[in-house]
Amino acid sequence: MVQQLKSSRSSTTDHMTRAIGLINGFATRVMTQEDIYSIGVYESRLKSLYGKYQVTLKEIEEKLKAIKAAQEELDEKQNITLQTQEEVLGASAITKQKREEWLKAIETKKEEEKERRNVGKSNSDDQRPYSTSNGGQTGTSNANRKHNNSSSSSFSNTVNQIAATTNKAF
């Protein structure tokens, strides 16, 4: 029975190693929105696998204690557990760092956009405003205003989604 549990642990470890490798591949990359989504999927998969791994480890430990296994076998289990835990925590740190970098880049982009709008607004104030059919507002056409609002709201939605996932603890 212990051998079957060890095989299960080994299989789960192989899957975790793949997820960890995929996450580690993002360590030196400049992230895109697609990359942020992908790393979130890999992190979620890793969390699930790590949960299964911990359950299997607990079962192995109970079986080893029940059969009064040699201390070297218990030590081997402990070493494997510590190594795996280190790898998972390393991948988690990369995920957290990349999310923070992404959020910082988004904030910078928002600030630049706001500054660009303010500069554009002050430049248009110096010019003679033109009449529009949007309730007496001047300086920006109705079509431009709608475009700015829609791109701004989708951008804000993306920022809010990423911010919500950043607060998840591993």
Protein backbone atom coordinates (compact mmCIF):
# COMPACT_ATOMS: atom_id res chain seq x y z
CA MET A 1 0.00 0.00 0.00
CA VAL A 2 2.87 2.37 0.79
CA GLN A 3 4.38 1.71 -2.64
CA GLN A 4 1.08 2.65 -4.31
CA LEU A 5 0.97 5.91 -2.32
CA LYS A 6 4.57 6.64 -3.28
CA SER A 7 3.69 6.12 -6.94
CA SER A 8 0.78 8.53 -6.54
CA ARG A 9 3.09 11.05 -4.88
CA SER A 10 5.62 10.63 -7.67
CA SER A 11 2.97 11.19 -10.33
CA THR A 12 1.67 14.30 -8.58
CA THR A 13 5.24 15.55 -8.18
CA ASP A 14 5.83 15.13 -11.92
CA HIS A 15 2.75 17.24 -12.70
CA MET A 16 3.80 19.86 -10.13
CA THR A 17 7.30 19.97 -11.63
CA ARG A 18 5.78 20.72 -15.03
CA ALA A 19 3.63 23.55 -13.60
CA ILE A 20 6.62 24.92 -11.68
CA GLY A 21 8.73 24.83 -14.85
CA LEU A 22 6.07 26.73 -16.78
CA ILE A 23 5.85 29.37 -14.03
CA ASN A 24 9.64 29.65 -13.82
CA GLY A 25 9.67 30.32 -17.57
CA PHE A 26 8.01 33.66 -16.86
CA ALA A 27 10.73 34.79 -14.43
CA THR A 28 12.66 36.83 -16.97
CA ARG A 29 9.87 37.77 -19.34
CA VAL A 30 8.12 41.07 -19.73
CA MET A 31 4.52 40.07 -19.11
CA THR A 32 1.62 40.57 -21.47
CA GLN A 33 -2.02 40.30 -20.50
CA GLU A 34 -2.09 36.78 -21.96
CA ASP A 35 0.97 35.83 -19.90
CA ILE A 36 -0.69 37.08 -16.72
CA TYR A 37 -3.71 34.92 -17.48
CA SER A 38 -1.49 31.89 -18.23
CA ILE A 39 0.58 32.25 -15.09
CA GLY A 40 -2.64 32.46 -13.08
CA VAL A 41 -3.85 29.20 -14.64
CA TYR A 42 -0.52 27.50 -13.88
CA GLU A 43 -0.57 28.79 -10.31
CA SER A 44 -4.10 27.51 -9.82
CA ARG A 45 -3.11 24.11 -11.19
CA LEU A 46 -0.05 24.05 -8.93
CA LYS A 47 -2.14 24.89 -5.85
CA SER A 48 -4.52 22.05 -6.63
CA LEU A 49 -1.70 19.58 -7.20
CA TYR A 50 0.10 20.70 -4.06
CA GLY A 51 -3.06 20.10 -2.04
CA LYS A 52 -3.26 16.54 -3.41
CA TYR A 53 0.44 16.11 -2.75
CA GLN A 54 0.06 17.10 0.90
CA VAL A 55 -2.82 14.64 1.39
CA THR A 56 -0.76 11.85 -0.15
CA LEU A 57 2.23 12.74 2.04
CA LYS A 58 0.08 12.55 5.15
CA GLU A 59 -1.19 9.12 4.11
CA ILE A 60 2.35 7.89 3.41
CA GLU A 61 3.52 9.15 6.78
CA GLU A 62 0.66 7.38 8.57
CA LYS A 63 1.38 4.11 6.72
CA LEU A 64 5.11 4.35 7.42
CA LYS A 65 4.45 4.91 11.12
CA ALA A 66 1.92 2.06 11.19
CA ILE A 67 4.44 -0.40 9.77
CA LYS A 68 7.20 1.08 11.94
CA ALA A 69 9.41 1.98 9.00
CA ALA A 70 13.11 2.61 9.38
CA GLN A 71 14.22 6.14 10.28
CA GLU A 72 16.07 6.49 6.97
CA GLU A 73 12.81 6.00 5.08
CA LEU A 74 11.13 8.69 7.19
CA ASP A 75 14.10 11.00 6.61
CA GLU A 76 13.88 10.40 2.85
CA LYS A 77 10.20 11.37 2.92
CA GLN A 78 11.06 14.52 4.86
CA ASN A 79 13.80 15.52 2.38
CA ILE A 80 11.48 15.04 -0.58
CA THR A 81 8.81 17.09 1.17
CA LEU A 82 11.18 19.99 1.93
CA GLN A 83 12.57 20.06 -1.61
CA THR A 84 9.10 20.09 -3.15
CA GLN A 85 7.91 22.76 -0.74
CA GLU A 86 10.89 24.98 -1.70
CA GLU A 87 10.11 24.61 -5.40
CA VAL A 88 6.43 25.42 -4.88
CA LEU A 89 7.25 28.48 -2.77
CA GLY A 90 9.74 29.66 -5.42
CA ALA A 91 7.11 29.39 -8.14
CA SER A 92 4.64 31.21 -5.91
CA ALA A 93 7.14 34.03 -5.38
CA ILE A 94 7.63 34.38 -9.15
CA THR A 95 3.87 34.51 -9.68
CA LYS A 96 3.44 37.17 -7.01
CA GLN A 97 6.33 39.24 -8.36
CA LYS A 98 5.04 39.10 -11.93
CA ARG A 99 1.54 40.13 -10.85
CA GLU A 100 2.95 43.07 -8.92
CA GLU A 101 5.08 44.11 -11.91
CA TRP A 102 2.02 43.87 -14.15
CA LEU A 103 -0.09 45.96 -11.80
CA LYS A 104 2.67 48.53 -11.52
CA ALA A 105 2.92 48.70 -15.32
CA ILE A 106 -0.84 49.15 -15.57
CA GLU A 107 -0.79 51.93 -12.98
CA THR A 108 2.02 53.65 -14.88
CA LYS A 109 0.04 53.32 -18.08
CA LYS A 110 -3.06 54.77 -16.38
CA GLU A 111 -1.05 57.73 -15.07
CA GLU A 112 0.50 58.36 -18.49
CA GLU A 113 -2.94 58.22 -20.10
CA LYS A 114 -4.32 60.64 -17.51
CA GLU A 115 -1.38 62.99 -18.06
CA ARG A 116 -1.81 62.76 -21.82
CA ARG A 117 -5.50 63.61 -21.47
CA ASN A 118 -4.69 66.55 -19.19
CA VAL A 119 -2.10 67.87 -21.63
CA GLY A 120 -4.54 67.42 -24.51
CA LYS A 121 -7.27 69.12 -22.53
CA SER A 122 -5.11 72.15 -21.71
CA ASN A 123 -4.09 72.42 -25.36
CA SER A 124 -7.71 72.30 -26.52
CA ASP A 125 -8.67 74.98 -23.97
CA ASP A 126 -6.37 77.40 -25.79
CA GLN A 127 -8.24 76.83 -29.03
CA ARG A 128 -11.69 78.03 -29.98
CA PRO A 129 -14.20 75.36 -28.92
CA TYR A 130 -16.59 74.04 -31.47
CA SER A 131 -20.24 73.30 -31.06
CA THR A 132 -21.45 69.72 -30.67
CA SER A 133 -24.76 68.00 -30.22
CA ASN A 134 -23.80 66.51 -26.87
CA GLY A 135 -25.55 68.84 -24.47
CA GLY A 136 -23.39 71.90 -24.97
CA GLN A 137 -20.05 70.24 -24.16
CA THR A 138 -17.20 71.47 -26.29
CA GLY A 139 -13.66 70.50 -27.11
CA THR A 140 -14.18 66.79 -27.72
CA SER A 141 -16.44 65.14 -30.23
CA ASN A 142 -19.10 62.77 -28.98
CA ALA A 143 -17.53 59.87 -30.89
CA ASN A 144 -14.12 60.48 -29.27
CA ARG A 145 -15.71 60.71 -25.83
CA LYS A 146 -17.50 57.37 -26.31
CA HIS A 147 -14.27 55.73 -27.51
CA ASN A 148 -12.30 57.06 -24.53
CA ASN A 149 -14.95 55.89 -22.07
CA SER A 150 -15.19 52.36 -23.52
CA SER A 151 -11.43 51.80 -23.68
CA SER A 152 -11.03 53.28 -20.23
CA SER A 153 -13.72 51.07 -18.71
CA SER A 154 -12.35 47.85 -20.28
CA PHE A 155 -8.90 48.83 -19.09
CA SER A 156 -10.26 49.46 -15.58
CA ASN A 157 -12.04 46.09 -15.63
CA THR A 158 -8.77 44.35 -16.50
CA VAL A 159 -6.94 46.18 -13.72
CA ASN A 160 -9.64 45.28 -11.19
CA GLN A 161 -9.55 41.59 -12.19
CA ILE A 162 -5.79 41.39 -11.84
CA ALA A 163 -5.84 43.29 -8.56
CA ALA A 164 -8.41 40.85 -7.19
CA THR A 165 -6.23 37.84 -8.03
CA THR A 166 -3.06 39.44 -6.65
CA ASN A 167 -4.37 39.30 -3.09
CA LYS A 168 -4.70 35.51 -3.19
CA ALA A 169 -2.26 33.86 -0.82
CA PHE A 170 -0.54 30.62 -1.77
